[in-house]
Protein backbone atom coordinates (compact mmCIF):
# COMPACT_ATOMS: atom_id res chain seq x y z
CA MET A 1 20.18 -6.21 -11.21
CA THR A 2 16.72 -4.65 -11.39
CA SER A 3 16.22 -1.79 -8.95
CA PRO A 4 13.49 -2.41 -6.36
CA VAL A 5 10.24 -0.45 -6.30
CA THR A 6 8.77 0.37 -2.88
CA LEU A 7 5.10 -0.61 -2.74
CA ASP A 8 4.37 0.17 0.90
CA ARG A 9 6.26 1.51 3.90
CA ARG A 10 4.86 1.45 7.44
CA GLU A 11 6.05 2.57 10.85
CA GLY A 12 4.86 0.29 13.64
CA PRO A 13 5.64 -0.56 17.25
CA TYR A 14 8.69 -2.55 16.14
CA GLY A 15 10.01 -0.02 13.64
CA GLU A 16 9.80 0.28 9.88
CA VAL A 17 8.60 -2.50 7.59
CA VAL A 18 8.73 -2.20 3.80
CA LEU A 19 7.28 -4.19 0.91
CA ARG A 20 9.25 -3.91 -2.33
CA ARG A 21 8.91 -5.41 -5.80
CA ARG A 22 12.03 -6.35 -7.75
CA ALA A 23 11.09 -7.52 -11.26
CA GLU A 24 8.44 -10.21 -10.65
CA HIS A 25 9.41 -10.88 -7.02
CA TYR A 26 8.48 -9.24 -3.71
CA GLU A 27 10.78 -8.44 -0.78
CA ILE A 28 10.12 -7.66 2.88
CA ILE A 29 12.58 -5.35 4.66
CA ALA A 30 12.40 -4.68 8.42
CA ASN A 31 14.34 -1.75 9.88
CA GLY A 32 16.68 -1.85 6.89
CA THR A 33 17.36 -5.60 7.23
CA PHE A 34 16.38 -7.90 4.36
CA LEU A 35 14.09 -10.61 5.71
CA MET A 36 12.89 -12.65 2.75
CA ASP A 37 11.59 -12.55 -0.79
CA THR A 38 9.49 -14.63 -3.15
CA SER A 39 12.34 -15.80 -5.38
CA ASP A 40 12.79 -19.23 -3.76
CA GLY A 41 10.56 -20.87 -1.15
CA ARG A 42 12.37 -24.19 -0.80
CA SER A 43 13.65 -23.63 2.71
CA GLU A 44 10.27 -22.32 3.94
CA ARG A 45 8.58 -25.42 2.57
CA LEU A 46 11.27 -27.60 4.14
CA LEU A 47 10.47 -25.98 7.48
CA ILE A 48 6.96 -27.42 7.26
CA ASP A 49 7.79 -30.76 5.64
CA ALA A 50 10.65 -31.62 8.00
CA ALA A 51 8.47 -30.97 11.04
CA LEU A 52 5.61 -33.04 9.64
CA ASP A 53 7.88 -35.94 8.67
CA ALA A 54 9.41 -35.99 12.17
CA LEU A 55 6.08 -36.21 14.01
CA PRO A 56 5.11 -39.52 15.61
CA GLU A 57 2.45 -41.49 13.71
CA GLY A 58 0.04 -41.03 16.59
CA SER A 59 -0.12 -37.29 15.90
CA LEU A 60 -1.40 -37.79 12.36
CA PRO A 61 -3.75 -36.91 10.86
CA GLY A 62 -5.01 -33.84 12.66
CA ALA A 63 -1.68 -32.48 13.91
CA SER A 64 -1.53 -28.85 15.00
CA VAL A 65 1.20 -26.44 13.95
CA LEU A 66 2.15 -22.94 15.02
CA VAL A 67 3.98 -21.05 12.28
CA GLY A 68 6.03 -18.22 13.73
CA GLY A 69 6.06 -15.43 11.18
CA LEU A 70 3.81 -15.02 8.14
CA GLY A 71 6.58 -13.57 5.96
CA VAL A 72 5.85 -13.89 2.26
CA GLY A 73 3.47 -16.75 2.99
CA PHE A 74 5.37 -19.76 1.64
CA SER A 75 5.25 -21.73 4.91
CA LEU A 76 1.54 -21.12 5.48
CA ALA A 77 0.62 -21.85 1.86
CA HIS A 78 2.60 -25.08 1.90
CA ALA A 79 1.12 -26.25 5.20
CA ALA A 80 -2.39 -25.69 3.87
CA THR A 81 -1.76 -28.05 0.94
CA ASP A 82 -1.30 -31.01 3.31
CA PRO A 83 -4.49 -32.52 4.80
CA ARG A 84 -2.54 -34.07 7.68
CA TRP A 85 -2.47 -30.72 9.45
CA GLY A 86 -5.65 -30.33 11.45
CA ARG A 87 -4.98 -26.82 12.81
CA ILE A 88 -2.67 -24.19 11.32
CA THR A 89 -1.99 -21.13 13.48
CA VAL A 90 0.23 -18.27 12.35
CA ALA A 91 1.63 -15.63 14.73
CA GLU A 92 2.58 -12.40 12.94
CA ARG A 93 3.33 -9.19 14.83
CA GLU A 94 3.38 -6.80 11.86
CA GLU A 95 -0.08 -5.60 10.88
CA ALA A 96 1.33 -4.42 7.56
CA ILE A 97 2.43 -7.93 6.59
CA ILE A 98 -1.01 -9.33 7.42
CA ASP A 99 -2.57 -6.58 5.28
CA TRP A 100 -0.28 -7.38 2.34
CA HIS A 101 -1.59 -10.93 2.44
CA ARG A 102 -5.26 -10.13 2.96
CA GLN A 103 -5.61 -7.19 0.58
CA GLY A 104 -2.24 -6.77 -1.12
CA PRO A 105 -0.03 -8.46 -3.69
CA LEU A 106 1.03 -11.32 -1.38
CA ALA A 107 -2.54 -12.66 -1.51
CA ALA A 108 -1.50 -14.42 -4.71
CA ILE A 109 0.65 -16.70 -2.52
CA SER A 110 -1.49 -17.10 0.59
CA GLY A 111 -5.06 -16.45 -0.51
CA ALA A 112 -6.17 -20.09 -0.61
CA ALA A 113 -4.46 -20.84 2.71
CA LEU A 114 -6.08 -17.85 4.40
CA ALA A 115 -9.49 -19.08 3.24
CA ASP A 116 -8.81 -22.57 4.62
CA PRO A 117 -10.97 -23.18 7.74
CA ARG A 118 -7.98 -24.76 9.52
CA THR A 119 -6.05 -21.48 9.36
CA VAL A 120 -6.00 -18.90 12.15
CA ILE A 121 -3.90 -15.72 11.90
CA LEU A 122 -2.92 -14.17 15.24
CA HIS A 123 -1.79 -10.55 15.16
CA THR A 124 0.70 -10.95 17.98
CA ASP A 125 4.39 -11.13 18.73
CA LEU A 126 5.50 -14.76 18.61
CA VAL A 127 7.66 -14.56 21.75
CA THR A 128 4.81 -12.97 23.70
CA HIS A 129 2.36 -15.58 22.43
CA LEU A 130 4.59 -18.46 23.47
CA ARG A 131 4.99 -16.98 26.94
CA THR A 132 1.31 -16.23 27.56
CA THR A 133 -0.81 -18.79 25.74
CA THR A 134 -1.97 -22.06 27.27
CA ASP A 135 -2.41 -23.63 23.82
CA THR A 136 -0.14 -26.50 22.86
CA TYR A 137 0.90 -27.72 19.43
CA ASP A 138 2.36 -30.77 17.77
CA ALA A 139 4.87 -28.62 15.90
CA LEU A 140 6.40 -25.17 16.21
CA CYS A 141 7.79 -23.93 12.87
CA LEU A 142 9.65 -20.70 13.62
CA ASP A 143 10.90 -18.27 11.00
CA ILE A 144 10.99 -14.80 12.56
CA ASP A 145 14.71 -14.04 12.20
CA ASN A 146 17.57 -14.71 9.85
CA GLY A 147 18.57 -17.39 12.34
CA PRO A 148 19.38 -17.91 16.02
CA ASP A 149 22.67 -16.06 15.54
CA TRP A 150 21.17 -13.17 13.54
CA THR A 151 17.99 -11.84 15.11
CA VAL A 152 15.86 -9.14 13.55
CA THR A 153 15.12 -7.41 16.87
CA GLU A 154 16.98 -7.60 20.16
CA ASP A 155 13.98 -9.00 22.05
CA ASN A 156 13.99 -12.08 19.81
CA GLU A 157 17.31 -13.21 21.28
CA SER A 158 15.43 -14.51 24.32
CA LEU A 159 13.66 -17.09 22.15
CA TYR A 160 16.92 -18.97 21.59
CA SER A 161 18.05 -18.80 25.23
CA ALA A 162 17.65 -21.62 27.74
CA GLU A 163 14.51 -19.94 29.09
CA GLY A 164 13.10 -19.41 25.60
CA LEU A 165 13.68 -23.02 24.57
CA ALA A 166 12.03 -24.18 27.79
CA THR A 167 9.02 -22.05 26.84
CA CYS A 168 8.96 -23.67 23.38
CA ALA A 169 9.06 -27.13 24.98
CA ALA A 170 6.14 -26.18 27.24
CA ARG A 171 4.06 -25.24 24.21
CA LEU A 172 4.74 -28.59 22.50
CA ASN A 173 2.81 -31.77 23.08
CA PRO A 174 4.93 -34.79 24.09
CA GLY A 175 6.84 -35.93 21.00
CA GLY A 176 6.25 -32.55 19.38
CA ILE A 177 8.71 -31.00 16.95
CA LEU A 178 10.55 -27.70 17.17
CA ALA A 179 11.72 -26.54 13.72
CA VAL A 180 13.72 -23.31 13.39
CA TRP A 181 14.69 -21.73 10.06
CA SER A 182 18.14 -20.18 9.73
CA ALA A 183 20.12 -18.50 6.98
CA GLN A 184 23.17 -20.46 8.13
CA PRO A 185 23.93 -23.51 10.29
CA SER A 186 24.54 -22.88 13.99
CA ALA A 187 26.45 -25.47 15.99
CA ASP A 188 25.96 -23.33 19.09
CA PHE A 189 22.18 -23.47 18.68
CA GLU A 190 22.29 -27.25 18.24
CA GLU A 191 24.15 -27.46 21.53
CA SER A 192 21.59 -25.17 23.17
CA LEU A 193 18.80 -27.49 22.02
CA ARG A 194 20.56 -30.49 23.56
CA ASN A 195 21.18 -28.58 26.78
CA ALA A 196 17.47 -27.76 26.87
CA ARG A 197 16.84 -31.53 26.88
CA PHE A 198 15.44 -31.77 23.37
CA SER A 199 16.22 -35.05 21.65
CA GLY A 200 16.82 -35.98 18.02
CA VAL A 201 18.62 -32.69 17.33
CA ARG A 202 19.63 -32.43 13.67
CA THR A 203 19.95 -29.93 10.85
CA GLU A 204 18.61 -30.18 7.30
CA GLU A 205 20.17 -28.04 4.57
CA VAL A 206 18.90 -26.40 1.40
CA PRO A 207 21.89 -25.92 -0.94
CA VAL A 208 22.30 -22.50 -2.54
CA ALA A 209 24.30 -21.44 -5.60
CA ARG A 210 26.84 -19.50 -3.52
CA GLY A 211 27.68 -19.24 0.14
CA VAL A 212 26.39 -21.19 3.12
CA PRO A 213 23.11 -23.11 2.81
CA ASP A 214 19.80 -22.19 4.38
CA VAL A 215 18.97 -24.71 7.09
CA VAL A 216 16.19 -25.97 9.33
CA HIS A 217 17.19 -26.96 12.86
CA LEU A 218 15.00 -29.77 14.21
CA ALA A 219 14.49 -31.10 17.72
CA VAL A 220 11.97 -33.32 19.52
CA ARG A 221 10.32 -32.68 22.85
CA PRO A 222 10.70 -36.00 24.72
CA GLY A 223 7.44 -37.80 25.45
């Protein structure tokens, strides 16, 4: 396996974040935990497509989506290719990651999407944004952790609690879709969604060569 080359390393309010290149791909590491890379964006694109496909016809075209986490940019770039989205908002708490997209090597993935007039990048913590904003969305597509059972920072655990899911529901329009990326299926999280009175709870999988599949957990805020 090719050894990674560190391109940038930053210390921020949430700890260390690192951009590395391994052969032709890029990797983002936060506090020593691998978050994502550019080797395969299928599950990030599924996060967007599954939410869009689940929306009621009355929401389209012109639906609004909040993408939680800019990451390597696959979700944003994919959303921007679909004209049915009328407003694309991204919440990203790491200034370094935003910089890597605006002036760094990740611009090759997200450049066109960032130039799209529908796109707004918010430099903010997703959990804080959900708790404080009065904006509502037709879809929340959240990818800030390795899954509900494997959070990147301790504060993120609150997002998947009963209180956090109630906050997500409050930020969704009636019939809106909550889509949550995970590196593995979580039956406990599915049960939490049902207990939070979401309907249509289901999980879509992206098969991988070895191990458990990446998944997107989906749920509908009742109208």
